[in-house]
Amino acid sequence: MSLTDNPRPPLPTWITDAYEVLSAQIADSGAEHDGVPAVGRERAVTILTGVEELALERVDAEHAITRLLERGYLYEVDGELRVTSRSD
């Protein structure tokens, strides 16, 4: 996303790294709800805290998910996180 599309400062690298991990896990999860790949929020926290390279504590993982939701990288339906489709 360029700054002309979004004038807000970019997310910190550790949060975009968390997004890369989550988006791959969601796509590969095999769990679909209404035909859309999804993962439960608690499962997402578990995924992020389990990735050694990220070295996130639970509170950090929850913060990353919140920021990704606020910025539109993810959206939530009935406690399930989904990746927002890009219009590239």
PDB file of N, CA and C in Angstrom:
ATOM      1  N   MET A   1       0.851  -1.159   0.000  1.00  0.00           N
ATOM      2  CA  MET A   1       0.000   0.000   0.000  1.00  0.00           C
ATOM      3  C   MET A   1       0.900   1.225   0.000  1.00  0.00           C
ATOM      4  N   SER A   2       0.722   2.132  -0.938  1.00  0.00           N
ATOM      5  CA  SER A   2       1.571   3.310  -1.008  1.00  0.00           C
ATOM      6  C   SER A   2       1.033   4.401  -0.098  1.00  0.00           C
ATOM      7  N   LEU A   3       1.878   5.373   0.190  1.00  0.00           N
ATOM      8  CA  LEU A   3       1.451   6.469   1.052  1.00  0.00           C
ATOM      9  C   LEU A   3       0.375   7.326   0.408  1.00  0.00           C
ATOM     10  N   THR A   4       0.250   7.311  -0.912  1.00  0.00           N
ATOM     11  CA  THR A   4      -0.824   8.064  -1.552  1.00  0.00           C
ATOM     12  C   THR A   4      -2.167   7.408  -1.288  1.00  0.00           C
ATOM     13  N   ASP A   5      -2.180   6.099  -1.109  1.00  0.00           N
ATOM     14  CA  ASP A   5      -3.403   5.384  -0.775  1.00  0.00           C
ATOM     15  C   ASP A   5      -3.706   5.469   0.711  1.00  0.00           C
ATOM     16  N   ASN A   6      -2.674   5.515   1.532  1.00  0.00           N
ATOM     17  CA  ASN A   6      -2.831   5.488   2.973  1.00  0.00           C
ATOM     18  C   ASN A   6      -1.795   6.427   3.576  1.00  0.00           C
ATOM     19  N   PRO A   7      -2.216   7.609   4.010  1.00  0.00           N
ATOM     20  CA  PRO A   7      -1.250   8.593   4.522  1.00  0.00           C
ATOM     21  C   PRO A   7      -0.681   8.258   5.896  1.00  0.00           C
ATOM     22  N   ARG A   8      -1.184   7.196   6.537  1.00  0.00           N
ATOM     23  CA  ARG A   8      -0.661   6.815   7.852  1.00  0.00           C
ATOM     24  C   ARG A   8       0.710   6.181   7.715  1.00  0.00           C
ATOM     25  N   PRO A   9       1.541   6.312   8.744  1.00  0.00           N
ATOM     26  CA  PRO A   9       2.858   5.672   8.692  1.00  0.00           C
ATOM     27  C   PRO A   9       2.704   4.155   8.575  1.00  0.00           C
ATOM     28  N   PRO A  10       3.681   3.511   7.964  1.00  0.00           N
ATOM     29  CA  PRO A  10       3.600   2.048   7.822  1.00  0.00           C
ATOM     30  C   PRO A  10       3.653   1.360   9.181  1.00  0.00           C
ATOM     31  N   LEU A  11       3.150   0.150   9.187  1.00  0.00           N
ATOM     32  CA  LEU A  11       3.214  -0.666  10.399  1.00  0.00           C
ATOM     33  C   LEU A  11       4.661  -1.051  10.675  1.00  0.00           C
ATOM     34  N   PRO A  12       4.998  -1.264  11.942  1.00  0.00           N
ATOM     35  CA  PRO A  12       6.347  -1.738  12.261  1.00  0.00           C
ATOM     36  C   PRO A  12       6.615  -3.097  11.587  1.00  0.00           C
ATOM     37  N   THR A  13       7.862  -3.346  11.304  1.00  0.00           N
ATOM     38  CA  THR A  13       8.254  -4.578  10.621  1.00  0.00           C
ATOM     39  C   THR A  13       7.788  -5.822  11.362  1.00  0.00           C
ATOM     40  N   TRP A  14       7.865  -5.831  12.690  1.00  0.00           N
ATOM     41  CA  TRP A  14       7.477  -7.025  13.430  1.00  0.00           C
ATOM     42  C   TRP A  14       5.994  -7.331  13.253  1.00  0.00           C
ATOM     43  N   ILE A  15       5.177  -6.301  13.043  1.00  0.00           N
ATOM     44  CA  ILE A  15       3.749  -6.541  12.819  1.00  0.00           C
ATOM     45  C   ILE A  15       3.510  -7.035  11.396  1.00  0.00           C
ATOM     46  N   THR A  16       4.218  -6.493  10.422  1.00  0.00           N
ATOM     47  CA  THR A  16       4.063  -7.008   9.054  1.00  0.00           C
ATOM     48  C   THR A  16       4.621  -8.425   8.947  1.00  0.00           C
ATOM     49  N   ASP A  17       5.665  -8.731   9.715  1.00  0.00           N
ATOM     50  CA  ASP A  17       6.170 -10.108   9.766  1.00  0.00           C
ATOM     51  C   ASP A  17       5.096 -11.042  10.335  1.00  0.00           C
ATOM     52  N   ALA A  18       4.414 -10.582  11.382  1.00  0.00           N
ATOM     53  CA  ALA A  18       3.318 -11.367  11.968  1.00  0.00           C
ATOM     54  C   ALA A  18       2.206 -11.567  10.946  1.00  0.00           C
ATOM     55  N   TYR A  19       1.941 -10.545  10.153  1.00  0.00           N
ATOM     56  CA  TYR A  19       0.920 -10.655   9.102  1.00  0.00           C
ATOM     57  C   TYR A  19       1.305 -11.720   8.079  1.00  0.00           C
ATOM     58  N   GLU A  20       2.551 -11.734   7.672  1.00  0.00           N
ATOM     59  CA  GLU A  20       3.008 -12.726   6.696  1.00  0.00           C
ATOM     60  C   GLU A  20       2.794 -14.141   7.226  1.00  0.00           C
ATOM     61  N   VAL A  21       3.135 -14.346   8.483  1.00  0.00           N
ATOM     62  CA  VAL A  21       2.946 -15.662   9.105  1.00  0.00           C
ATOM     63  C   VAL A  21       1.460 -16.010   9.155  1.00  0.00           C
ATOM     64  N   LEU A  22       0.646 -15.083   9.657  1.00  0.00           N
ATOM     65  CA  LEU A  22      -0.786 -15.356   9.799  1.00  0.00           C
ATOM     66  C   LEU A  22      -1.470 -15.563   8.458  1.00  0.00           C
ATOM     67  N   SER A  23      -1.172 -14.710   7.490  1.00  0.00           N
ATOM     68  CA  SER A  23      -1.852 -14.842   6.194  1.00  0.00           C
ATOM     69  C   SER A  23      -1.522 -16.179   5.532  1.00  0.00           C
ATOM     70  N   ALA A  24      -0.279 -16.636   5.676  1.00  0.00           N
ATOM     71  CA  ALA A  24       0.096 -17.944   5.125  1.00  0.00           C
ATOM     72  C   ALA A  24      -0.623 -19.064   5.869  1.00  0.00           C
ATOM     73  N   GLN A  25      -0.694 -18.963   7.186  1.00  0.00           N
ATOM     74  CA  GLN A  25      -1.370 -19.993   7.981  1.00  0.00           C
ATOM     75  C   GLN A  25      -2.863 -20.029   7.686  1.00  0.00           C
ATOM     76  N   ILE A  26      -3.464 -18.864   7.522  1.00  0.00           N
ATOM     77  CA  ILE A  26      -4.897 -18.816   7.211  1.00  0.00           C
ATOM     78  C   ILE A  26      -5.147 -19.461   5.860  1.00  0.00           C
ATOM     79  N   ALA A  27      -4.331 -19.120   4.875  1.00  0.00           N
ATOM     80  CA  ALA A  27      -4.506 -19.678   3.535  1.00  0.00           C
ATOM     81  C   ALA A  27      -4.309 -21.190   3.528  1.00  0.00           C
ATOM     82  N   ASP A  28      -3.382 -21.676   4.346  1.00  0.00           N
ATOM     83  CA  ASP A  28      -3.055 -23.100   4.383  1.00  0.00           C
ATOM     84  C   ASP A  28      -3.847 -23.889   5.424  1.00  0.00           C
ATOM     85  N   SER A  29      -4.703 -23.216   6.160  1.00  0.00           N
ATOM     86  CA  SER A  29      -5.378 -23.854   7.293  1.00  0.00           C
ATOM     87  C   SER A  29      -6.358 -24.947   6.885  1.00  0.00           C
ATOM     88  N   GLY A  30      -6.935 -24.815   5.707  1.00  0.00           N
ATOM     89  CA  GLY A  30      -7.938 -25.782   5.291  1.00  0.00           C
ATOM     90  C   GLY A  30      -9.276 -25.548   5.970  1.00  0.00           C
ATOM     91  N   ALA A  31      -9.307 -24.664   6.952  1.00  0.00           N
ATOM     92  CA  ALA A  31     -10.562 -24.334   7.641  1.00  0.00           C
ATOM     93  C   ALA A  31     -11.242 -23.198   6.898  1.00  0.00           C
ATOM     94  N   GLU A  32     -12.388 -23.487   6.360  1.00  0.00           N
ATOM     95  CA  GLU A  32     -13.133 -22.468   5.636  1.00  0.00           C
ATOM     96  C   GLU A  32     -14.490 -22.275   6.270  1.00  0.00           C
ATOM     97  N   HIS A  33     -14.884 -21.033   6.332  1.00  0.00           N
ATOM     98  CA  HIS A  33     -16.200 -20.669   6.830  1.00  0.00           C
ATOM     99  C   HIS A  33     -16.844 -19.816   5.763  1.00  0.00           C
ATOM    100  N   ASP A  34     -17.979 -20.266   5.276  1.00  0.00           N
ATOM    101  CA  ASP A  34     -18.650 -19.596   4.159  1.00  0.00           C
ATOM    102  C   ASP A  34     -17.755 -19.564   2.925  1.00  0.00           C
ATOM    103  N   GLY A  35     -16.910 -20.589   2.769  1.00  0.00           N
ATOM    104  CA  GLY A  35     -16.033 -20.680   1.609  1.00  0.00           C
ATOM    105  C   GLY A  35     -14.805 -19.792   1.672  1.00  0.00           C
ATOM    106  N   VAL A  36     -14.544 -19.180   2.820  1.00  0.00           N
ATOM    107  CA  VAL A  36     -13.408 -18.272   2.975  1.00  0.00           C
ATOM    108  C   VAL A  36     -12.446 -18.854   4.015  1.00  0.00           C
ATOM    109  N   PRO A  37     -11.148 -18.960   3.681  1.00  0.00           N
ATOM    110  CA  PRO A  37     -10.184 -19.457   4.668  1.00  0.00           C
ATOM    111  C   PRO A  37     -10.182 -18.572   5.908  1.00  0.00           C
ATOM    112  N   ALA A  38     -10.145 -19.194   7.074  1.00  0.00           N
ATOM    113  CA  ALA A  38     -10.198 -18.449   8.333  1.00  0.00           C
ATOM    114  C   ALA A  38      -9.515 -19.242   9.427  1.00  0.00           C
ATOM    115  N   VAL A  39      -9.158 -18.529  10.488  1.00  0.00           N
ATOM    116  CA  VAL A  39      -8.587 -19.157  11.673  1.00  0.00           C
ATOM    117  C   VAL A  39      -9.137 -18.399  12.886  1.00  0.00           C
ATOM    118  N   GLY A  40      -9.401 -19.133  13.943  1.00  0.00           N
ATOM    119  CA  GLY A  40      -9.894 -18.508  15.154  1.00  0.00           C
ATOM    120  C   GLY A  40      -8.876 -17.559  15.751  1.00  0.00           C
ATOM    121  N   ARG A  41      -9.372 -16.527  16.414  1.00  0.00           N
ATOM    122  CA  ARG A  41      -8.477 -15.524  16.995  1.00  0.00           C
ATOM    123  C   ARG A  41      -7.516 -16.154  18.010  1.00  0.00           C
ATOM    124  N   GLU A  42      -8.010 -17.038  18.853  1.00  0.00           N
ATOM    125  CA  GLU A  42      -7.143 -17.684  19.845  1.00  0.00           C
ATOM    126  C   GLU A  42      -6.077 -18.538  19.152  1.00  0.00           C
ATOM    127  N   ARG A  43      -6.462 -19.212  18.089  1.00  0.00           N
ATOM    128  CA  ARG A  43      -5.504 -20.014  17.306  1.00  0.00           C
ATOM    129  C   ARG A  43      -4.442 -19.101  16.689  1.00  0.00           C
ATOM    130  N   ALA A  44      -4.851 -17.931  16.221  1.00  0.00           N
ATOM    131  CA  ALA A  44      -3.913 -16.975  15.633  1.00  0.00           C
ATOM    132  C   ALA A  44      -2.869 -16.537  16.668  1.00  0.00           C
ATOM    133  N   VAL A  45      -3.312 -16.293  17.885  1.00  0.00           N
ATOM    134  CA  VAL A  45      -2.380 -15.924  18.958  1.00  0.00           C
ATOM    135  C   VAL A  45      -1.400 -17.075  19.204  1.00  0.00           C
ATOM    136  N   THR A  46      -1.913 -18.289  19.242  1.00  0.00           N
ATOM    137  CA  THR A  46      -1.066 -19.461  19.442  1.00  0.00           C
ATOM    138  C   THR A  46      -0.046 -19.600  18.316  1.00  0.00           C
ATOM    139  N   ILE A  47      -0.486 -19.373  17.096  1.00  0.00           N
ATOM    140  CA  ILE A  47       0.420 -19.451  15.941  1.00  0.00           C
ATOM    141  C   ILE A  47       1.545 -18.432  16.101  1.00  0.00           C
ATOM    142  N   LEU A  48       1.188 -17.190  16.384  1.00  0.00           N
ATOM    143  CA  LEU A  48       2.196 -16.135  16.468  1.00  0.00           C
ATOM    144  C   LEU A  48       3.165 -16.342  17.613  1.00  0.00           C
ATOM    145  N   THR A  49       2.676 -16.805  18.752  1.00  0.00           N
ATOM    146  CA  THR A  49       3.583 -17.008  19.886  1.00  0.00           C
ATOM    147  C   THR A  49       4.451 -18.246  19.705  1.00  0.00           C
ATOM    148  N   GLY A  50       4.069 -19.111  18.787  1.00  0.00           N
ATOM    149  CA  GLY A  50       4.832 -20.323  18.535  1.00  0.00           C
ATOM    150  C   GLY A  50       5.915 -20.193  17.486  1.00  0.00           C
ATOM    151  N   VAL A  51       5.985 -19.044  16.819  1.00  0.00           N
ATOM    152  CA  VAL A  51       7.001 -18.838  15.781  1.00  0.00           C
ATOM    153  C   VAL A  51       8.253 -18.259  16.436  1.00  0.00           C
ATOM    154  N   GLU A  52       9.280 -19.069  16.496  1.00  0.00           N
ATOM    155  CA  GLU A  52      10.506 -18.698  17.193  1.00  0.00           C
ATOM    156  C   GLU A  52      11.141 -17.428  16.632  1.00  0.00           C
ATOM    157  N   GLU A  53      11.092 -17.253  15.322  1.00  0.00           N
ATOM    158  CA  GLU A  53      11.712 -16.087  14.695  1.00  0.00           C
ATOM    159  C   GLU A  53      11.035 -14.785  15.112  1.00  0.00           C
ATOM    160  N   LEU A  54       9.741 -14.841  15.404  1.00  0.00           N
ATOM    161  CA  LEU A  54       9.025 -13.635  15.828  1.00  0.00           C
ATOM    162  C   LEU A  54       9.282 -13.320  17.300  1.00  0.00           C
ATOM    163  N   ALA A  55       9.440 -14.345  18.119  1.00  0.00           N
ATOM    164  CA  ALA A  55       9.697 -14.203  19.563  1.00  0.00           C
ATOM    165  C   ALA A  55       8.666 -13.287  20.227  1.00  0.00           C
ATOM    166  N   LEU A  56       7.383 -13.553  19.973  1.00  0.00           N
ATOM    167  CA  LEU A  56       6.319 -12.722  20.534  1.00  0.00           C
ATOM    168  C   LEU A  56       5.742 -13.323  21.800  1.00  0.00           C
ATOM    169  N   GLU A  57       5.491 -12.483  22.749  1.00  0.00           N
ATOM    170  CA  GLU A  57       4.726 -12.858  23.932  1.00  0.00           C
ATOM    171  C   GLU A  57       3.248 -12.753  23.560  1.00  0.00           C
ATOM    172  N   ARG A  58       2.388 -13.312  24.368  1.00  0.00           N
ATOM    173  CA  ARG A  58       0.951 -13.290  24.095  1.00  0.00           C
ATOM    174  C   ARG A  58       0.431 -11.861  23.885  1.00  0.00           C
ATOM    175  N   VAL A  59       0.825 -10.955  24.755  1.00  0.00           N
ATOM    176  CA  VAL A  59       0.348  -9.573  24.646  1.00  0.00           C
ATOM    177  C   VAL A  59       0.794  -8.934  23.327  1.00  0.00           C
ATOM    178  N   ASP A  60       1.999  -9.265  22.860  1.00  0.00           N
ATOM    179  CA  ASP A  60       2.491  -8.750  21.585  1.00  0.00           C
ATOM    180  C   ASP A  60       1.694  -9.320  20.415  1.00  0.00           C
ATOM    181  N   ALA A  61       1.403 -10.614  20.477  1.00  0.00           N
ATOM    182  CA  ALA A  61       0.620 -11.254  19.415  1.00  0.00           C
ATOM    183  C   ALA A  61      -0.780 -10.643  19.348  1.00  0.00           C
ATOM    184  N   GLU A  62      -1.385 -10.428  20.499  1.00  0.00           N
ATOM    185  CA  GLU A  62      -2.717  -9.816  20.527  1.00  0.00           C
ATOM    186  C   GLU A  62      -2.675  -8.397  19.976  1.00  0.00           C
ATOM    187  N   HIS A  63      -1.623  -7.654  20.314  1.00  0.00           N
ATOM    188  CA  HIS A  63      -1.469  -6.290  19.799  1.00  0.00           C
ATOM    189  C   HIS A  63      -1.296  -6.305  18.274  1.00  0.00           C
ATOM    190  N   ALA A  64      -0.486  -7.209  17.778  1.00  0.00           N
ATOM    191  CA  ALA A  64      -0.271  -7.303  16.332  1.00  0.00           C
ATOM    192  C   ALA A  64      -1.592  -7.597  15.613  1.00  0.00           C
ATOM    193  N   ILE A  65      -2.373  -8.514  16.141  1.00  0.00           N
ATOM    194  CA  ILE A  65      -3.663  -8.852  15.534  1.00  0.00           C
ATOM    195  C   ILE A  65      -4.588  -7.644  15.551  1.00  0.00           C
ATOM    196  N   THR A  66      -4.631  -6.943  16.663  1.00  0.00           N
ATOM    197  CA  THR A  66      -5.464  -5.740  16.759  1.00  0.00           C
ATOM    198  C   THR A  66      -5.055  -4.704  15.723  1.00  0.00           C
ATOM    199  N   ARG A  67      -3.770  -4.455  15.593  1.00  0.00           N
ATOM    200  CA  ARG A  67      -3.288  -3.470  14.600  1.00  0.00           C
ATOM    201  C   ARG A  67      -3.605  -3.916  13.171  1.00  0.00           C
ATOM    202  N   LEU A  68      -3.458  -5.212  12.890  1.00  0.00           N
ATOM    203  CA  LEU A  68      -3.767  -5.716  11.554  1.00  0.00           C
ATOM    204  C   LEU A  68      -5.257  -5.585  11.254  1.00  0.00           C
ATOM    205  N   LEU A  69      -6.081  -5.773  12.256  1.00  0.00           N
ATOM    206  CA  LEU A  69      -7.523  -5.570  12.079  1.00  0.00           C
ATOM    207  C   LEU A  69      -7.829  -4.088  11.864  1.00  0.00           C
ATOM    208  N   GLU A  70      -7.235  -3.227  12.668  1.00  0.00           N
ATOM    209  CA  GLU A  70      -7.469  -1.786  12.555  1.00  0.00           C
ATOM    210  C   GLU A  70      -7.042  -1.237  11.207  1.00  0.00           C
ATOM    211  N   ARG A  71      -5.975  -1.777  10.661  1.00  0.00           N
ATOM    212  CA  ARG A  71      -5.450  -1.280   9.389  1.00  0.00           C
ATOM    213  C   ARG A  71      -6.040  -1.979   8.174  1.00  0.00           C
ATOM    214  N   GLY A  72      -6.895  -2.978   8.408  1.00  0.00           N
ATOM    215  CA  GLY A  72      -7.578  -3.617   7.296  1.00  0.00           C
ATOM    216  C   GLY A  72      -6.841  -4.755   6.624  1.00  0.00           C
ATOM    217  N   TYR A  73      -5.755  -5.209   7.210  1.00  0.00           N
ATOM    218  CA  TYR A  73      -5.044  -6.363   6.655  1.00  0.00           C
ATOM    219  C   TYR A  73      -5.837  -7.641   6.900  1.00  0.00           C
ATOM    220  N   LEU A  74      -6.517  -7.672   8.046  1.00  0.00           N
ATOM    221  CA  LEU A  74      -7.370  -8.795   8.429  1.00  0.00           C
ATOM    222  C   LEU A  74      -8.749  -8.250   8.752  1.00  0.00           C
ATOM    223  N   TYR A  75      -9.740  -9.134   8.708  1.00  0.00           N
ATOM    224  CA  TYR A  75     -11.054  -8.787   9.234  1.00  0.00           C
ATOM    225  C   TYR A  75     -11.568  -9.978  10.018  1.00  0.00           C
ATOM    226  N   GLU A  76     -12.542  -9.715  10.885  1.00  0.00           N
ATOM    227  CA  GLU A  76     -13.008 -10.735  11.804  1.00  0.00           C
ATOM    228  C   GLU A  76     -14.509 -10.939  11.638  1.00  0.00           C
ATOM    229  N   VAL A  77     -14.894 -12.212  11.561  1.00  0.00           N
ATOM    230  CA  VAL A  77     -16.304 -12.595  11.490  1.00  0.00           C
ATOM    231  C   VAL A  77     -16.523 -13.697  12.517  1.00  0.00           C
ATOM    232  N   ASP A  78     -17.391 -13.430  13.472  1.00  0.00           N
ATOM    233  CA  ASP A  78     -17.723 -14.421  14.507  1.00  0.00           C
ATOM    234  C   ASP A  78     -16.488 -15.050  15.147  1.00  0.00           C
ATOM    235  N   GLY A  79     -15.498 -14.217  15.471  1.00  0.00           N
ATOM    236  CA  GLY A  79     -14.296 -14.716  16.128  1.00  0.00           C
ATOM    237  C   GLY A  79     -13.285 -15.371  15.218  1.00  0.00           C
ATOM    238  N   GLU A  80     -13.570 -15.400  13.930  1.00  0.00           N
ATOM    239  CA  GLU A  80     -12.653 -15.997  12.944  1.00  0.00           C
ATOM    240  C   GLU A  80     -11.945 -14.879  12.177  1.00  0.00           C
ATOM    241  N   LEU A  81     -10.628 -14.990  12.066  1.00  0.00           N
ATOM    242  CA  LEU A  81      -9.835 -14.007  11.320  1.00  0.00           C
ATOM    243  C   LEU A  81      -9.709 -14.457   9.877  1.00  0.00           C
ATOM    244  N   ARG A  82      -9.871 -13.490   8.992  1.00  0.00           N
ATOM    245  CA  ARG A  82      -9.737 -13.734   7.552  1.00  0.00           C
ATOM    246  C   ARG A  82      -8.820 -12.676   6.957  1.00  0.00           C
ATOM    247  N   VAL A  83      -8.162 -13.024   5.863  1.00  0.00           N
ATOM    248  CA  VAL A  83      -7.274 -12.089   5.179  1.00  0.00           C
ATOM    249  C   VAL A  83      -8.116 -11.257   4.220  1.00  0.00           C
ATOM    250  N   THR A  84      -7.928  -9.941   4.299  1.00  0.00           N
ATOM    251  CA  THR A  84      -8.616  -9.041   3.401  1.00  0.00           C
ATOM    252  C   THR A  84      -8.029  -9.189   2.006  1.00  0.00           C
ATOM    253  N   SER A  85      -8.870  -9.324   1.018  1.00  0.00           N
ATOM    254  CA  SER A  85      -8.407  -9.451  -0.365  1.00  0.00           C
ATOM    255  C   SER A  85      -7.829  -8.129  -0.835  1.00  0.00           C
ATOM    256  N   ARG A  86      -6.726  -8.226  -1.532  1.00  0.00           N
ATOM    257  CA  ARG A  86      -6.098  -7.039  -2.102  1.00  0.00           C
ATOM    258  C   ARG A  86      -6.655  -6.800  -3.483  1.00  0.00           C
ATOM    259  N   SER A  87      -6.736  -5.537  -3.876  1.00  0.00           N
ATOM    260  CA  SER A  87      -7.243  -5.201  -5.206  1.00  0.00           C
ATOM    261  C   SER A  87      -6.096  -4.733  -6.100  1.00  0.00           C
ATOM    262  N   ASP A  88      -4.982  -5.505  -6.087  1.00  0.00           N
ATOM    263  CA  ASP A  88      -3.780  -5.159  -6.865  1.00  0.00           C
ATOM    264  C   ASP A  88      -4.097  -5.153  -8.337  1.00  0.00           C
TER     265      ASP A  88
END
